[in-house]
Amino acid sequence: MHLQGKHALVTGGGTGIGLAIARDLAKAGAQVTITGRRADVLQDVAGNGLHALQMDVSDEASVVDGVASAVAARGPIQICVANAGIAEGRALHKSTLEEWRFMMGINIDGTFLTIRECLKSMVTTDWGRVIAVSSIAGLRGLKGAPCYGASKHAMNGLIKCLSADYADKPFTFNSLCPAYVDTDIVTDNTQKIMKRTGLSEAEARQLMVGVNPHGRLITPEEVAEAAMFICGPNSDSYRGQMLQVSGGEL
């Protein structure tokens, strides 16, 4: 219960990686505000230290008001997990400006807004952890998904800069960079690949599974374990890192 008395906020906390992280934080004693656009999804998993808050990370007013209400209810946010995001692949010459802006609006604008608002209360405390859930695509080129890859590179760049800005403060900034994880995103992308290519479900899914060198999808709980390490004892010197949870993909 080393996080007893801490308030954490996890965006996209109703499903997948976000929910796995939120549950582990709560088990360690934190009160966890989980946010997302779908109130019913959040309410279904709320309880046992998880508190639902409907919030759209691509809407500045929603983030400002949402984070403020969470702070008013449970105190300063000392663990900020910017997890909400989307993943879609499309060739650049087939991508519209609207699609580009939608991707950036959620993945990078949403990360910026979430961290900015959480920092306003975090900096009044003596300890804090900021974690951005990025991707292996934020470290290398990802074939077929240039817009997505660019958004994740931007996320990692933001984390590195913030780590430099707060290097002499008791707040750390790190990214988690998983490869393909067994979440709804993989399920949705499987259907899109099938529609686009005519492949079977098994063949479409294998295109993603096959990217992970250990031959399977990563579990959300494996990513959550990395987040808990960053929030654990003796983690203060881990700053500005891009922790890969990638099954051996380099």
C-alpha atoms as a PDB file:
ATOM      1  CA  MET A   1       0.000   0.000   0.000  1.00  0.00           C
ATOM      2  CA  HIS A   2       2.897   2.347  -0.790  1.00  0.00           C
ATOM      3  CA  LEU A   3       0.572   4.747  -2.645  1.00  0.00           C
ATOM      4  CA  GLN A   4      -1.817   5.210   0.275  1.00  0.00           C
ATOM      5  CA  GLY A   5      -3.036   8.815   0.333  1.00  0.00           C
ATOM      6  CA  LYS A   6      -2.023   9.513  -3.268  1.00  0.00           C
ATOM      7  CA  HIS A   7      -4.506  10.684  -5.906  1.00  0.00           C
ATOM      8  CA  ALA A   8      -3.996   9.338  -9.415  1.00  0.00           C
ATOM      9  CA  LEU A   9      -5.737  10.307 -12.644  1.00  0.00           C
ATOM     10  CA  VAL A  10      -5.807   7.903 -15.597  1.00  0.00           C
ATOM     11  CA  THR A  11      -7.262   8.993 -18.925  1.00  0.00           C
ATOM     12  CA  GLY A  12      -8.873   6.273 -20.988  1.00  0.00           C
ATOM     13  CA  GLY A  13      -9.197   4.448 -17.685  1.00  0.00           C
ATOM     14  CA  GLY A  14     -12.312   2.446 -18.453  1.00  0.00           C
ATOM     15  CA  THR A  15     -10.762  -0.236 -20.644  1.00  0.00           C
ATOM     16  CA  GLY A  16      -7.523  -1.885 -21.720  1.00  0.00           C
ATOM     17  CA  ILE A  17      -4.172  -0.552 -20.564  1.00  0.00           C
ATOM     18  CA  GLY A  18      -5.705   2.380 -18.698  1.00  0.00           C
ATOM     19  CA  LEU A  19      -7.990   0.156 -16.638  1.00  0.00           C
ATOM     20  CA  ALA A  20      -5.175  -2.285 -15.837  1.00  0.00           C
ATOM     21  CA  ILE A  21      -2.991   0.587 -14.597  1.00  0.00           C
ATOM     22  CA  ALA A  22      -5.855   2.140 -12.634  1.00  0.00           C
ATOM     23  CA  ARG A  23      -6.641  -1.126 -10.862  1.00  0.00           C
ATOM     24  CA  ASP A  24      -3.013  -1.694  -9.896  1.00  0.00           C
ATOM     25  CA  LEU A  25      -2.720   1.857  -8.568  1.00  0.00           C
ATOM     26  CA  ALA A  26      -5.853   1.349  -6.468  1.00  0.00           C
ATOM     27  CA  LYS A  27      -4.539  -1.961  -5.124  1.00  0.00           C
ATOM     28  CA  ALA A  28      -1.434  -0.047  -3.981  1.00  0.00           C
ATOM     29  CA  GLY A  29      -3.639   2.334  -2.004  1.00  0.00           C
ATOM     30  CA  ALA A  30      -4.225   5.254  -4.383  1.00  0.00           C
ATOM     31  CA  GLN A  31      -7.581   6.891  -5.008  1.00  0.00           C
ATOM     32  CA  VAL A  32      -7.853   6.793  -8.799  1.00  0.00           C
ATOM     33  CA  THR A  33      -9.906   9.062 -11.016  1.00  0.00           C
ATOM     34  CA  ILE A  34     -10.585   7.245 -14.285  1.00  0.00           C
ATOM     35  CA  THR A  35     -11.690   9.348 -17.233  1.00  0.00           C
ATOM     36  CA  GLY A  36     -13.133   8.689 -20.662  1.00  0.00           C
ATOM     37  CA  ARG A  37     -15.804   9.859 -23.070  1.00  0.00           C
ATOM     38  CA  ARG A  38     -18.257   7.023 -22.324  1.00  0.00           C
ATOM     39  CA  ALA A  39     -19.804   7.419 -18.883  1.00  0.00           C
ATOM     40  CA  ASP A  40     -21.437   3.975 -18.943  1.00  0.00           C
ATOM     41  CA  VAL A  41     -18.108   2.233 -19.537  1.00  0.00           C
ATOM     42  CA  LEU A  42     -16.521   4.094 -16.621  1.00  0.00           C
ATOM     43  CA  GLN A  43     -19.429   3.408 -14.269  1.00  0.00           C
ATOM     44  CA  ASP A  44     -19.274  -0.304 -15.072  1.00  0.00           C
ATOM     45  CA  VAL A  45     -15.734  -0.563 -13.637  1.00  0.00           C
ATOM     46  CA  ALA A  46     -15.918   2.109 -10.899  1.00  0.00           C
ATOM     47  CA  GLY A  47     -15.570   1.183  -7.238  1.00  0.00           C
ATOM     48  CA  ASN A  48     -12.760  -0.291  -5.144  1.00  0.00           C
ATOM     49  CA  GLY A  49     -10.827   2.964  -5.321  1.00  0.00           C
ATOM     50  CA  LEU A  50     -11.772   3.858  -8.912  1.00  0.00           C
ATOM     51  CA  HIS A  51     -13.836   7.028  -9.404  1.00  0.00           C
ATOM     52  CA  ALA A  52     -15.521   7.674 -12.760  1.00  0.00           C
ATOM     53  CA  LEU A  53     -15.230  11.074 -14.468  1.00  0.00           C
ATOM     54  CA  GLN A  54     -16.549  11.694 -17.965  1.00  0.00           C
ATOM     55  CA  MET A  55     -13.954  13.766 -19.829  1.00  0.00           C
ATOM     56  CA  ASP A  56     -12.880  14.277 -23.446  1.00  0.00           C
ATOM     57  CA  VAL A  57      -9.119  14.824 -23.676  1.00  0.00           C
ATOM     58  CA  SER A  58      -9.441  16.530 -27.068  1.00  0.00           C
ATOM     59  CA  ASP A  59     -11.660  19.262 -25.557  1.00  0.00           C
ATOM     60  CA  GLU A  60      -9.743  21.827 -23.513  1.00  0.00           C
ATOM     61  CA  ALA A  61     -12.720  22.956 -21.442  1.00  0.00           C
ATOM     62  CA  SER A  62     -13.590  19.343 -20.636  1.00  0.00           C
ATOM     63  CA  VAL A  63     -10.054  18.647 -19.399  1.00  0.00           C
ATOM     64  CA  VAL A  64      -9.755  21.894 -17.426  1.00  0.00           C
ATOM     65  CA  ASP A  65     -13.108  21.407 -15.706  1.00  0.00           C
ATOM     66  CA  GLY A  66     -12.691  17.663 -15.276  1.00  0.00           C
ATOM     67  CA  VAL A  67      -9.274  17.775 -13.646  1.00  0.00           C
ATOM     68  CA  ALA A  68     -10.371  20.663 -11.417  1.00  0.00           C
ATOM     69  CA  SER A  69     -13.380  18.666 -10.193  1.00  0.00           C
ATOM     70  CA  ALA A  70     -11.179  15.633  -9.512  1.00  0.00           C
ATOM     71  CA  VAL A  71      -8.771  17.762  -7.476  1.00  0.00           C
ATOM     72  CA  ALA A  72     -11.650  19.311  -5.540  1.00  0.00           C
ATOM     73  CA  ALA A  73     -12.986  15.843  -4.717  1.00  0.00           C
ATOM     74  CA  ARG A  74      -9.785  13.953  -3.913  1.00  0.00           C
ATOM     75  CA  GLY A  75      -6.940  16.422  -3.565  1.00  0.00           C
ATOM     76  CA  PRO A  76      -3.860  17.186  -5.672  1.00  0.00           C
ATOM     77  CA  ILE A  77      -3.070  14.759  -8.456  1.00  0.00           C
ATOM     78  CA  GLN A  78       0.289  13.145  -7.761  1.00  0.00           C
ATOM     79  CA  ILE A  79       0.144  10.419 -10.409  1.00  0.00           C
ATOM     80  CA  CYS A  80      -0.891  11.459 -13.909  1.00  0.00           C
ATOM     81  CA  VAL A  81      -1.285   8.725 -16.513  1.00  0.00           C
ATOM     82  CA  ALA A  82      -1.947  10.153 -19.982  1.00  0.00           C
ATOM     83  CA  ASN A  83      -3.233   6.998 -21.605  1.00  0.00           C
ATOM     84  CA  ALA A  84      -6.186   8.009 -23.801  1.00  0.00           C
ATOM     85  CA  GLY A  85      -5.393   7.607 -27.475  1.00  0.00           C
ATOM     86  CA  ILE A  86      -6.363   6.178 -30.830  1.00  0.00           C
ATOM     87  CA  ALA A  87      -4.436   4.029 -33.293  1.00  0.00           C
ATOM     88  CA  GLU A  88      -5.249   3.918 -36.976  1.00  0.00           C
ATOM     89  CA  GLY A  89      -3.146   3.178 -40.026  1.00  0.00           C
ATOM     90  CA  ARG A  90      -3.412   4.807 -43.431  1.00  0.00           C
ATOM     91  CA  ALA A  91      -0.948   5.678 -46.188  1.00  0.00           C
ATOM     92  CA  LEU A  92       0.036   9.325 -46.015  1.00  0.00           C
ATOM     93  CA  HIS A  93      -1.066  10.132 -49.558  1.00  0.00           C
ATOM     94  CA  LYS A  94      -4.520   8.799 -48.688  1.00  0.00           C
ATOM     95  CA  SER A  95      -4.779  10.748 -45.422  1.00  0.00           C
ATOM     96  CA  THR A  96      -6.806  13.928 -45.132  1.00  0.00           C
ATOM     97  CA  LEU A  97      -5.931  16.932 -43.016  1.00  0.00           C
ATOM     98  CA  GLU A  98      -9.055  16.223 -40.981  1.00  0.00           C
ATOM     99  CA  GLU A  99      -7.806  12.711 -40.190  1.00  0.00           C
ATOM    100  CA  TRP A 100      -4.358  14.067 -39.259  1.00  0.00           C
ATOM    101  CA  ARG A 101      -5.848  16.665 -36.925  1.00  0.00           C
ATOM    102  CA  PHE A 102      -8.182  14.116 -35.319  1.00  0.00           C
ATOM    103  CA  MET A 103      -5.223  11.851 -34.546  1.00  0.00           C
ATOM    104  CA  MET A 104      -3.132  14.699 -33.150  1.00  0.00           C
ATOM    105  CA  GLY A 105      -6.095  16.160 -31.273  1.00  0.00           C
ATOM    106  CA  ILE A 106      -6.465  13.041 -29.175  1.00  0.00           C
ATOM    107  CA  ASN A 107      -2.956  11.596 -28.992  1.00  0.00           C
ATOM    108  CA  ILE A 108      -0.799  14.682 -28.544  1.00  0.00           C
ATOM    109  CA  ASP A 109      -3.173  17.560 -27.745  1.00  0.00           C
ATOM    110  CA  GLY A 110      -4.918  15.298 -25.240  1.00  0.00           C
ATOM    111  CA  THR A 111      -1.609  14.370 -23.625  1.00  0.00           C
ATOM    112  CA  PHE A 112      -0.546  18.017 -23.438  1.00  0.00           C
ATOM    113  CA  LEU A 113      -3.837  19.130 -21.862  1.00  0.00           C
ATOM    114  CA  THR A 114      -3.943  16.257 -19.384  1.00  0.00           C
ATOM    115  CA  ILE A 115      -0.405  16.762 -18.144  1.00  0.00           C
ATOM    116  CA  ARG A 116      -0.715  20.557 -18.044  1.00  0.00           C
ATOM    117  CA  GLU A 117      -3.811  20.480 -15.884  1.00  0.00           C
ATOM    118  CA  CYS A 118      -2.524  17.733 -13.578  1.00  0.00           C
ATOM    119  CA  LEU A 119       0.741  19.588 -13.019  1.00  0.00           C
ATOM    120  CA  LYS A 120      -1.123  22.592 -11.625  1.00  0.00           C
ATOM    121  CA  SER A 121      -1.877  20.674  -8.438  1.00  0.00           C
ATOM    122  CA  MET A 122       1.045  18.242  -8.555  1.00  0.00           C
ATOM    123  CA  VAL A 123       3.615  21.025  -8.237  1.00  0.00           C
ATOM    124  CA  THR A 124       2.101  22.027  -4.890  1.00  0.00           C
ATOM    125  CA  THR A 125       3.161  18.638  -3.461  1.00  0.00           C
ATOM    126  CA  ASP A 126       6.482  16.999  -2.693  1.00  0.00           C
ATOM    127  CA  TRP A 127       6.185  13.947  -4.982  1.00  0.00           C
ATOM    128  CA  GLY A 128       4.750  13.200  -8.388  1.00  0.00           C
ATOM    129  CA  ARG A 129       4.792  10.811 -11.323  1.00  0.00           C
ATOM    130  CA  VAL A 130       3.749  11.584 -14.905  1.00  0.00           C
ATOM    131  CA  ILE A 131       3.420   8.632 -17.271  1.00  0.00           C
ATOM    132  CA  ALA A 132       2.507   8.880 -20.951  1.00  0.00           C
ATOM    133  CA  VAL A 133       1.318   5.679 -22.590  1.00  0.00           C
ATOM    134  CA  SER A 134       3.070   5.966 -25.931  1.00  0.00           C
ATOM    135  CA  SER A 135       4.038   3.132 -28.290  1.00  0.00           C
ATOM    136  CA  ILE A 136       6.964   1.361 -29.878  1.00  0.00           C
ATOM    137  CA  ALA A 137       5.842   3.446 -32.882  1.00  0.00           C
ATOM    138  CA  GLY A 138       7.106   6.477 -30.970  1.00  0.00           C
ATOM    139  CA  LEU A 139      10.644   5.110 -31.143  1.00  0.00           C
ATOM    140  CA  ARG A 140      10.906   3.872 -34.711  1.00  0.00           C
ATOM    141  CA  GLY A 141       9.078   4.066 -38.001  1.00  0.00           C
ATOM    142  CA  LEU A 142       5.863   2.076 -38.172  1.00  0.00           C
ATOM    143  CA  LYS A 143       5.018   0.972 -41.680  1.00  0.00           C
ATOM    144  CA  GLY A 144       1.532   1.965 -42.767  1.00  0.00           C
ATOM    145  CA  ALA A 145       0.788   4.372 -39.901  1.00  0.00           C
ATOM    146  CA  PRO A 146       2.755   7.623 -40.388  1.00  0.00           C
ATOM    147  CA  CYS A 147       0.216   9.880 -38.660  1.00  0.00           C
ATOM    148  CA  TYR A 148      -0.041   7.603 -35.641  1.00  0.00           C
ATOM    149  CA  GLY A 149       3.732   7.202 -35.442  1.00  0.00           C
ATOM    150  CA  ALA A 150       4.243  10.956 -35.639  1.00  0.00           C
ATOM    151  CA  SER A 151       1.817  11.528 -32.768  1.00  0.00           C
ATOM    152  CA  LYS A 152       3.647   9.049 -30.559  1.00  0.00           C
ATOM    153  CA  HIS A 153       7.059  10.518 -31.418  1.00  0.00           C
ATOM    154  CA  ALA A 154       5.658  13.894 -30.380  1.00  0.00           C
ATOM    155  CA  MET A 155       4.416  12.430 -27.110  1.00  0.00           C
ATOM    156  CA  ASN A 156       7.858  11.044 -26.291  1.00  0.00           C
ATOM    157  CA  GLY A 157       9.455  14.378 -27.186  1.00  0.00           C
ATOM    158  CA  LEU A 158       7.136  16.173 -24.785  1.00  0.00           C
ATOM    159  CA  ILE A 159       8.045  13.770 -21.990  1.00  0.00           C
ATOM    160  CA  LYS A 160      11.777  14.254 -22.587  1.00  0.00           C
ATOM    161  CA  CYS A 161      11.432  18.030 -22.489  1.00  0.00           C
ATOM    162  CA  LEU A 162       9.349  17.967 -19.308  1.00  0.00           C
ATOM    163  CA  SER A 163      11.882  15.675 -17.675  1.00  0.00           C
ATOM    164  CA  ALA A 164      14.585  18.221 -18.451  1.00  0.00           C
ATOM    165  CA  ASP A 165      12.440  21.079 -17.154  1.00  0.00           C
ATOM    166  CA  TYR A 166      11.791  19.348 -13.820  1.00  0.00           C
ATOM    167  CA  ALA A 167      15.118  17.564 -13.416  1.00  0.00           C
ATOM    168  CA  ASP A 168      15.781  19.145 -10.013  1.00  0.00           C
ATOM    169  CA  LYS A 169      12.226  18.642  -8.746  1.00  0.00           C
ATOM    170  CA  PRO A 170      10.588  15.624  -7.062  1.00  0.00           C
ATOM    171  CA  PHE A 171       8.478  14.864 -10.135  1.00  0.00           C
ATOM    172  CA  THR A 172       9.402  12.325 -12.811  1.00  0.00           C
ATOM    173  CA  PHE A 173       8.247  12.064 -16.426  1.00  0.00           C
ATOM    174  CA  ASN A 174       8.436   8.828 -18.391  1.00  0.00           C
ATOM    175  CA  SER A 175       6.759   7.060 -21.324  1.00  0.00           C
ATOM    176  CA  LEU A 176       5.645   3.482 -21.711  1.00  0.00           C
ATOM    177  CA  CYS A 177       6.208   2.167 -25.233  1.00  0.00           C
ATOM    178  CA  PRO A 178       4.383  -1.118 -25.786  1.00  0.00           C
ATOM    179  CA  ALA A 179       4.175  -3.033 -29.037  1.00  0.00           C
ATOM    180  CA  TYR A 180       0.843  -4.653 -29.929  1.00  0.00           C
ATOM    181  CA  VAL A 181      -1.296  -5.150 -26.810  1.00  0.00           C
ATOM    182  CA  ASP A 182      -4.403  -7.318 -26.494  1.00  0.00           C
ATOM    183  CA  THR A 183      -6.960  -4.492 -26.314  1.00  0.00           C
ATOM    184  CA  ASP A 184     -10.015  -3.257 -28.193  1.00  0.00           C
ATOM    185  CA  ILE A 185      -7.683  -1.335 -30.518  1.00  0.00           C
ATOM    186  CA  VAL A 186      -6.261  -4.591 -31.880  1.00  0.00           C
ATOM    187  CA  THR A 187      -9.768  -6.009 -32.228  1.00  0.00           C
ATOM    188  CA  ASP A 188     -10.972  -2.928 -34.108  1.00  0.00           C
ATOM    189  CA  ASN A 189      -7.903  -2.831 -36.341  1.00  0.00           C
ATOM    190  CA  THR A 190      -8.347  -6.510 -37.157  1.00  0.00           C
ATOM    191  CA  GLN A 191     -11.760  -5.732 -38.614  1.00  0.00           C
ATOM    192  CA  LYS A 192     -10.396  -2.770 -40.569  1.00  0.00           C
ATOM    193  CA  ILE A 193      -7.574  -4.852 -42.037  1.00  0.00           C
ATOM    194  CA  MET A 194     -10.039  -7.567 -43.039  1.00  0.00           C
ATOM    195  CA  LYS A 195     -12.229  -5.024 -44.803  1.00  0.00           C
ATOM    196  CA  ARG A 196      -9.305  -3.362 -46.561  1.00  0.00           C
ATOM    197  CA  THR A 197      -7.388  -6.460 -47.620  1.00  0.00           C
ATOM    198  CA  GLY A 198      -9.842  -9.326 -47.770  1.00  0.00           C
ATOM    199  CA  LEU A 199      -7.768 -11.354 -45.307  1.00  0.00           C
ATOM    200  CA  SER A 200      -9.398 -13.714 -42.834  1.00  0.00           C
ATOM    201  CA  GLU A 201      -9.728 -12.668 -39.196  1.00  0.00           C
ATOM    202  CA  ALA A 202      -6.874 -14.948 -38.176  1.00  0.00           C
ATOM    203  CA  GLU A 203      -4.631 -13.637 -40.969  1.00  0.00           C
ATOM    204  CA  ALA A 204      -5.428  -9.995 -40.171  1.00  0.00           C
ATOM    205  CA  ARG A 205      -4.779 -10.495 -36.479  1.00  0.00           C
ATOM    206  CA  GLN A 206      -1.505 -12.277 -37.208  1.00  0.00           C
ATOM    207  CA  LEU A 207      -0.219  -9.181 -39.016  1.00  0.00           C
ATOM    208  CA  MET A 208      -0.145  -7.492 -35.620  1.00  0.00           C
ATOM    209  CA  VAL A 209       0.762 -10.474 -33.455  1.00  0.00           C
ATOM    210  CA  GLY A 210       3.655 -11.242 -35.794  1.00  0.00           C
ATOM    211  CA  VAL A 211       5.261  -7.865 -35.101  1.00  0.00           C
ATOM    212  CA  ASN A 212       5.929  -8.916 -31.497  1.00  0.00           C
ATOM    213  CA  PRO A 213       9.089 -11.065 -31.560  1.00  0.00           C
ATOM    214  CA  HIS A 214       7.897 -13.316 -28.724  1.00  0.00           C
ATOM    215  CA  GLY A 215       4.949 -14.360 -30.886  1.00  0.00           C
ATOM    216  CA  ARG A 216       1.983 -13.177 -28.848  1.00  0.00           C
ATOM    217  CA  LEU A 217       0.090 -10.053 -27.913  1.00  0.00           C
ATOM    218  CA  ILE A 218       1.237  -8.242 -24.793  1.00  0.00           C
ATOM    219  CA  THR A 219      -1.289  -8.151 -21.958  1.00  0.00           C
ATOM    220  CA  PRO A 220      -2.516  -4.869 -20.456  1.00  0.00           C
ATOM    221  CA  GLU A 221      -1.333  -6.160 -17.085  1.00  0.00           C
ATOM    222  CA  GLU A 222       2.246  -6.383 -18.363  1.00  0.00           C
ATOM    223  CA  VAL A 223       2.141  -2.707 -19.325  1.00  0.00           C
ATOM    224  CA  ALA A 224       0.576  -1.855 -15.965  1.00  0.00           C
ATOM    225  CA  GLU A 225       3.459  -3.564 -14.197  1.00  0.00           C
ATOM    226  CA  ALA A 226       5.872  -1.131 -15.864  1.00  0.00           C
ATOM    227  CA  ALA A 227       3.751   1.796 -14.700  1.00  0.00           C
ATOM    228  CA  MET A 228       3.794   0.486 -11.145  1.00  0.00           C
ATOM    229  CA  PHE A 229       7.580   0.240 -11.258  1.00  0.00           C
ATOM    230  CA  ILE A 230       7.780   3.944 -12.179  1.00  0.00           C
ATOM    231  CA  CYS A 231       5.522   4.734  -9.208  1.00  0.00           C
ATOM    232  CA  GLY A 232       7.347   2.423  -6.831  1.00  0.00           C
ATOM    233  CA  PRO A 233      10.097   2.836  -4.267  1.00  0.00           C
ATOM    234  CA  ASN A 234      13.563   3.715  -5.575  1.00  0.00           C
ATOM    235  CA  SER A 235      12.198   4.966  -8.916  1.00  0.00           C
ATOM    236  CA  ASP A 236      13.199   8.623  -8.585  1.00  0.00           C
ATOM    237  CA  SER A 237      16.203   8.333 -10.902  1.00  0.00           C
ATOM    238  CA  TYR A 238      14.126   6.943 -13.776  1.00  0.00           C
ATOM    239  CA  ARG A 239      13.452  10.178 -15.649  1.00  0.00           C
ATOM    240  CA  GLY A 240      12.838  10.926 -19.302  1.00  0.00           C
ATOM    241  CA  GLN A 241      12.818   7.222 -20.146  1.00  0.00           C
ATOM    242  CA  MET A 242      10.909   5.441 -22.887  1.00  0.00           C
ATOM    243  CA  LEU A 243      10.276   2.062 -21.254  1.00  0.00           C
ATOM    244  CA  GLN A 244       9.688  -0.581 -23.908  1.00  0.00           C
ATOM    245  CA  VAL A 245       7.168  -3.332 -23.211  1.00  0.00           C
ATOM    246  CA  SER A 246       7.568  -4.872 -26.607  1.00  0.00           C
ATOM    247  CA  GLY A 247       8.320  -8.579 -26.426  1.00  0.00           C
ATOM    248  CA  GLY A 248      11.828  -8.036 -27.740  1.00  0.00           C
ATOM    249  CA  GLU A 249      11.049  -5.610 -30.576  1.00  0.00           C
ATOM    250  CA  LEU A 250      13.837  -3.031 -30.785  1.00  0.00           C
END
